[in-house]
Amino acid sequence: MRRVIFRGGLSLALLAGGFATGYAVSQQVHLKAALEALTSAETHLKAHSPDKGGHAAKALEAVGTAKKHIDAAMAEK
């Protein structure tokens, strides 16, 4: 009886661990996609001319800040 309970508990723990890992990986995919989109926006903002009253420069700064936050989020486990 103890073996059955232990095996059931172990199976449940492995299943939960696998689910958590799968969830973390799926979230990482979204972060990578966001980082790619921000990198694309950064490229377009750098190519933009004229600056339009400083708004393009502020947007470029905001993109840089967002990329730093995404990098930090991706570094967490």
N, C-alpha and C. Protein backbone atom coordinates (compact mmCIF):
# COMPACT_ATOMS: atom_id res chain seq x y z
N MET A 1 0.83 -1.19 0.00
CA MET A 1 0.00 0.00 0.00
C MET A 1 0.87 1.25 0.00
N ARG A 2 1.94 1.23 0.79
CA ARG A 2 2.83 2.39 0.84
C ARG A 2 3.47 2.65 -0.52
N ARG A 3 3.85 1.56 -1.20
CA ARG A 3 4.48 1.71 -2.51
C ARG A 3 3.53 2.36 -3.51
N VAL A 4 2.27 1.98 -3.45
CA VAL A 4 1.28 2.54 -4.37
C VAL A 4 1.12 4.03 -4.10
N ILE A 5 1.04 4.42 -2.85
CA ILE A 5 0.90 5.82 -2.48
C ILE A 5 2.16 6.58 -2.88
N PHE A 6 3.33 5.99 -2.62
CA PHE A 6 4.59 6.65 -2.98
C PHE A 6 4.68 6.83 -4.49
N ARG A 7 4.37 5.79 -5.23
CA ARG A 7 4.43 5.89 -6.70
C ARG A 7 3.42 6.91 -7.22
N GLY A 8 2.25 6.94 -6.64
CA GLY A 8 1.23 7.91 -7.05
C GLY A 8 1.71 9.33 -6.75
N GLY A 9 2.29 9.52 -5.57
CA GLY A 9 2.80 10.84 -5.21
C GLY A 9 3.96 11.24 -6.09
N LEU A 10 4.84 10.30 -6.38
CA LEU A 10 5.98 10.57 -7.26
C LEU A 10 5.50 10.91 -8.66
N SER A 11 4.54 10.16 -9.16
CA SER A 11 4.00 10.44 -10.50
C SER A 11 3.36 11.82 -10.54
N LEU A 12 2.64 12.18 -9.50
CA LEU A 12 2.00 13.49 -9.44
C LEU A 12 3.05 14.60 -9.39
N ALA A 13 4.11 14.39 -8.62
CA ALA A 13 5.18 15.39 -8.53
C ALA A 13 5.87 15.56 -9.88
N LEU A 14 6.15 14.46 -10.57
CA LEU A 14 6.78 14.53 -11.89
C LEU A 14 5.87 15.22 -12.90
N LEU A 15 4.59 14.92 -12.83
CA LEU A 15 3.63 15.55 -13.73
C LEU A 15 3.56 17.05 -13.48
N ALA A 16 3.52 17.44 -12.22
CA ALA A 16 3.46 18.86 -11.88
C ALA A 16 4.74 19.57 -12.31
N GLY A 17 5.86 18.92 -12.11
CA GLY A 17 7.14 19.51 -12.52
C GLY A 17 7.21 19.67 -14.02
N GLY A 18 6.73 18.69 -14.75
CA GLY A 18 6.71 18.76 -16.21
C GLY A 18 5.79 19.86 -16.70
N PHE A 19 4.65 20.00 -16.04
CA PHE A 19 3.71 21.05 -16.41
C PHE A 19 4.33 22.43 -16.16
N ALA A 20 4.97 22.61 -15.02
CA ALA A 20 5.59 23.89 -14.70
C ALA A 20 6.70 24.22 -15.69
N THR A 21 7.48 23.22 -16.06
CA THR A 21 8.55 23.43 -17.04
C THR A 21 7.97 23.81 -18.39
N GLY A 22 6.93 23.12 -18.81
CA GLY A 22 6.27 23.43 -20.08
C GLY A 22 5.70 24.82 -20.08
N TYR A 23 5.11 25.23 -18.97
CA TYR A 23 4.56 26.58 -18.86
C TYR A 23 5.65 27.62 -18.97
N ALA A 24 6.77 27.40 -18.29
CA ALA A 24 7.88 28.35 -18.33
C ALA A 24 8.44 28.47 -19.74
N VAL A 25 8.56 27.36 -20.44
CA VAL A 25 9.07 27.38 -21.80
C VAL A 25 8.11 28.13 -22.71
N SER A 26 6.81 27.91 -22.54
CA SER A 26 5.83 28.60 -23.39
C SER A 26 5.88 30.10 -23.15
N GLN A 27 6.10 30.51 -21.92
CA GLN A 27 6.21 31.94 -21.63
C GLN A 27 7.49 32.52 -22.22
N GLN A 28 8.55 31.74 -22.23
CA GLN A 28 9.81 32.19 -22.81
C GLN A 28 9.64 32.47 -24.30
N VAL A 29 8.82 31.68 -24.97
CA VAL A 29 8.56 31.88 -26.39
C VAL A 29 7.94 33.25 -26.61
N HIS A 30 7.02 33.64 -25.75
CA HIS A 30 6.36 34.94 -25.87
C HIS A 30 7.35 36.08 -25.62
N LEU A 31 8.23 35.88 -24.66
CA LEU A 31 9.23 36.91 -24.37
C LEU A 31 10.19 37.07 -25.55
N LYS A 32 10.58 35.95 -26.16
CA LYS A 32 11.47 36.02 -27.32
C LYS A 32 10.80 36.74 -28.48
N ALA A 33 9.51 36.46 -28.68
CA ALA A 33 8.78 37.12 -29.76
C ALA A 33 8.68 38.62 -29.50
N ALA A 34 8.44 39.00 -28.25
CA ALA A 34 8.37 40.42 -27.91
C ALA A 34 9.71 41.09 -28.12
N LEU A 35 10.78 40.41 -27.77
CA LEU A 35 12.13 40.96 -27.95
C LEU A 35 12.43 41.16 -29.44
N GLU A 36 12.02 40.21 -30.27
CA GLU A 36 12.22 40.35 -31.72
C GLU A 36 11.42 41.54 -32.27
N ALA A 37 10.20 41.71 -31.79
CA ALA A 37 9.37 42.83 -32.24
C ALA A 37 9.99 44.16 -31.82
N LEU A 38 10.51 44.21 -30.61
CA LEU A 38 11.15 45.44 -30.14
C LEU A 38 12.42 45.74 -30.92
N THR A 39 13.17 44.71 -31.25
CA THR A 39 14.39 44.90 -32.04
C THR A 39 14.03 45.45 -33.42
N SER A 40 12.95 44.96 -34.00
CA SER A 40 12.49 45.47 -35.28
C SER A 40 12.06 46.93 -35.15
N ALA A 41 11.33 47.25 -34.10
CA ALA A 41 10.90 48.64 -33.87
C ALA A 41 12.11 49.55 -33.69
N GLU A 42 13.10 49.06 -32.98
CA GLU A 42 14.32 49.84 -32.75
C GLU A 42 15.01 50.16 -34.09
N THR A 43 15.08 49.17 -34.97
CA THR A 43 15.69 49.37 -36.28
C THR A 43 14.94 50.44 -37.07
N HIS A 44 13.62 50.38 -37.05
CA HIS A 44 12.81 51.36 -37.77
C HIS A 44 12.94 52.75 -37.17
N LEU A 45 12.98 52.82 -35.86
CA LEU A 45 13.11 54.14 -35.20
C LEU A 45 14.47 54.77 -35.49
N LYS A 46 15.50 53.95 -35.56
CA LYS A 46 16.83 54.48 -35.86
C LYS A 46 16.91 54.99 -37.30
N ALA A 47 16.15 54.37 -38.19
CA ALA A 47 16.15 54.78 -39.59
C ALA A 47 15.22 55.97 -39.84
N HIS A 48 14.37 56.27 -38.87
CA HIS A 48 13.38 57.34 -39.02
C HIS A 48 14.06 58.71 -39.03
N SER A 49 13.58 59.56 -39.93
CA SER A 49 14.12 60.91 -40.00
C SER A 49 13.01 61.80 -40.53
N PRO A 50 12.78 62.94 -40.03
CA PRO A 50 13.37 63.60 -38.88
C PRO A 50 12.81 63.07 -37.57
N ASP A 51 13.29 63.60 -36.46
CA ASP A 51 12.95 63.10 -35.14
C ASP A 51 11.52 63.43 -34.70
N LYS A 52 10.86 64.33 -35.36
CA LYS A 52 9.48 64.69 -35.04
C LYS A 52 9.34 65.24 -33.62
N GLY A 53 10.09 66.27 -33.32
CA GLY A 53 9.97 66.94 -32.03
C GLY A 53 10.50 66.13 -30.86
N GLY A 54 11.40 65.21 -31.11
CA GLY A 54 11.99 64.42 -30.03
C GLY A 54 11.21 63.16 -29.69
N HIS A 55 10.05 62.96 -30.32
CA HIS A 55 9.23 61.79 -30.00
C HIS A 55 9.88 60.48 -30.43
N ALA A 56 10.55 60.48 -31.57
CA ALA A 56 11.21 59.26 -32.04
C ALA A 56 12.35 58.88 -31.09
N ALA A 57 13.08 59.87 -30.60
CA ALA A 57 14.17 59.60 -29.65
C ALA A 57 13.62 59.04 -28.34
N LYS A 58 12.49 59.59 -27.88
CA LYS A 58 11.87 59.08 -26.64
C LYS A 58 11.34 57.66 -26.84
N ALA A 59 10.79 57.39 -28.02
CA ALA A 59 10.32 56.05 -28.32
C ALA A 59 11.48 55.06 -28.36
N LEU A 60 12.59 55.49 -28.93
CA LEU A 60 13.79 54.64 -28.99
C LEU A 60 14.30 54.34 -27.59
N GLU A 61 14.26 55.32 -26.73
CA GLU A 61 14.67 55.12 -25.33
C GLU A 61 13.74 54.13 -24.64
N ALA A 62 12.43 54.27 -24.88
CA ALA A 62 11.45 53.37 -24.27
C ALA A 62 11.64 51.93 -24.75
N VAL A 63 11.95 51.77 -26.03
CA VAL A 63 12.21 50.44 -26.59
C VAL A 63 13.43 49.82 -25.91
N GLY A 64 14.48 50.62 -25.73
CA GLY A 64 15.68 50.12 -25.05
C GLY A 64 15.38 49.67 -23.63
N THR A 65 14.56 50.45 -22.92
CA THR A 65 14.18 50.10 -21.55
C THR A 65 13.36 48.80 -21.55
N ALA A 66 12.42 48.69 -22.47
CA ALA A 66 11.60 47.48 -22.56
C ALA A 66 12.45 46.24 -22.84
N LYS A 67 13.43 46.39 -23.73
CA LYS A 67 14.31 45.26 -24.04
C LYS A 67 15.10 44.82 -22.81
N LYS A 68 15.54 45.77 -21.98
CA LYS A 68 16.27 45.42 -20.75
C LYS A 68 15.36 44.65 -19.80
N HIS A 69 14.10 45.05 -19.70
CA HIS A 69 13.15 44.35 -18.82
C HIS A 69 12.89 42.94 -19.32
N ILE A 70 12.78 42.76 -20.62
CA ILE A 70 12.55 41.43 -21.19
C ILE A 70 13.78 40.55 -20.95
N ASP A 71 14.97 41.11 -21.14
CA ASP A 71 16.19 40.34 -20.87
C ASP A 71 16.23 39.89 -19.41
N ALA A 72 15.83 40.76 -18.51
CA ALA A 72 15.81 40.41 -17.08
C ALA A 72 14.78 39.32 -16.81
N ALA A 73 13.63 39.43 -17.43
CA ALA A 73 12.58 38.42 -17.24
C ALA A 73 13.02 37.07 -17.80
N MET A 74 13.72 37.07 -18.92
CA MET A 74 14.18 35.82 -19.51
C MET A 74 15.29 35.18 -18.67
N ALA A 75 16.02 35.99 -17.93
CA ALA A 75 17.11 35.45 -17.10
C ALA A 75 16.56 34.76 -15.85
N GLU A 76 15.35 35.11 -15.43
CA GLU A 76 14.75 34.46 -14.26
C GLU A 76 14.24 33.09 -14.63
N LYS A 77 14.29 32.21 -13.68
CA LYS A 77 13.83 30.82 -13.91
C LYS A 77 12.48 30.61 -13.30
